Amino acid sequence: MAINMNMNKNTSIISLSLSCMVDRICKNYLIAKEIFGLNLKNYLSIFVTRNFLSQKNL
């Protein structure tokens, strides 16, 4: 019983952090769209490239 509750807690934490990440991406996209008039494909490629580069620097 306790293990089940623990697993559910971990799963909800993971899904919560994922939804926060998606929410942040969407907000950044909307801001970028207003400023630069970017379309979604360009924005996603910029976002992925930036993430990839920041991970390489670590």
Protein backbone atom coordinates (compact mmCIF):
# COMPACT_ATOMS: atom_id res chain seq x y z
CA MET A 1 0.00 0.00 0.00
CA ALA A 2 2.72 2.45 0.98
CA ILE A 3 4.75 1.53 -2.11
CA ASN A 4 1.76 2.20 -4.36
CA MET A 5 1.19 5.61 -2.80
CA ASN A 6 4.88 6.41 -3.20
CA MET A 7 4.89 5.43 -6.86
CA ASN A 8 1.79 7.54 -7.50
CA LYS A 9 3.46 10.49 -5.78
CA ASN A 10 6.59 10.13 -7.92
CA THR A 11 4.54 9.79 -11.09
CA SER A 12 2.52 12.90 -10.29
CA ILE A 13 5.71 14.86 -9.54
CA ILE A 14 7.16 13.79 -12.92
CA SER A 15 3.99 14.63 -14.82
CA LEU A 16 3.73 17.95 -12.98
CA SER A 17 7.30 18.92 -13.91
CA LEU A 18 6.64 17.86 -17.51
CA SER A 19 3.52 19.99 -17.71
CA CYS A 20 5.46 22.92 -16.21
CA MET A 21 8.14 22.46 -18.85
CA VAL A 22 5.55 22.35 -21.66
CA ASP A 23 3.84 25.39 -20.18
CA ARG A 24 7.14 27.28 -20.12
CA ILE A 25 7.90 26.30 -23.73
CA CYS A 26 4.45 27.52 -24.80
CA LYS A 27 4.84 30.83 -22.95
CA ASN A 28 8.32 31.34 -24.43
CA TYR A 29 6.93 30.55 -27.88
CA LEU A 30 4.10 33.07 -27.50
CA ILE A 31 6.55 35.75 -26.34
CA ALA A 32 8.97 34.92 -29.15
CA LYS A 33 6.12 34.91 -31.67
CA GLU A 34 5.08 38.39 -30.58
CA ILE A 35 8.63 39.73 -30.73
CA PHE A 36 10.05 37.94 -33.78
CA GLY A 37 6.95 36.68 -35.58
CA LEU A 38 8.42 33.19 -35.53
CA ASN A 39 6.55 30.20 -36.76
CA LEU A 40 6.39 27.05 -34.63
CA LYS A 41 8.92 25.01 -36.64
CA ASN A 42 11.61 27.69 -36.43
CA TYR A 43 10.97 28.21 -32.74
CA LEU A 44 11.20 24.49 -31.93
CA SER A 45 14.47 24.12 -33.87
CA ILE A 46 15.92 27.14 -32.01
CA PHE A 47 14.73 25.72 -28.68
CA VAL A 48 16.14 22.24 -29.37
CA THR A 49 19.46 23.65 -30.59
CA ARG A 50 19.78 25.89 -27.54
CA ASN A 51 19.06 22.97 -25.21
CA PHE A 52 21.55 20.76 -27.05
CA LEU A 53 24.28 23.40 -26.82
CA SER A 54 23.65 24.08 -23.14
CA GLN A 55 23.88 20.35 -22.40
CA LYS A 56 27.19 20.10 -24.29
CA ASN A 57 28.67 22.87 -22.15
CA LEU A 58 28.02 20.95 -18.91
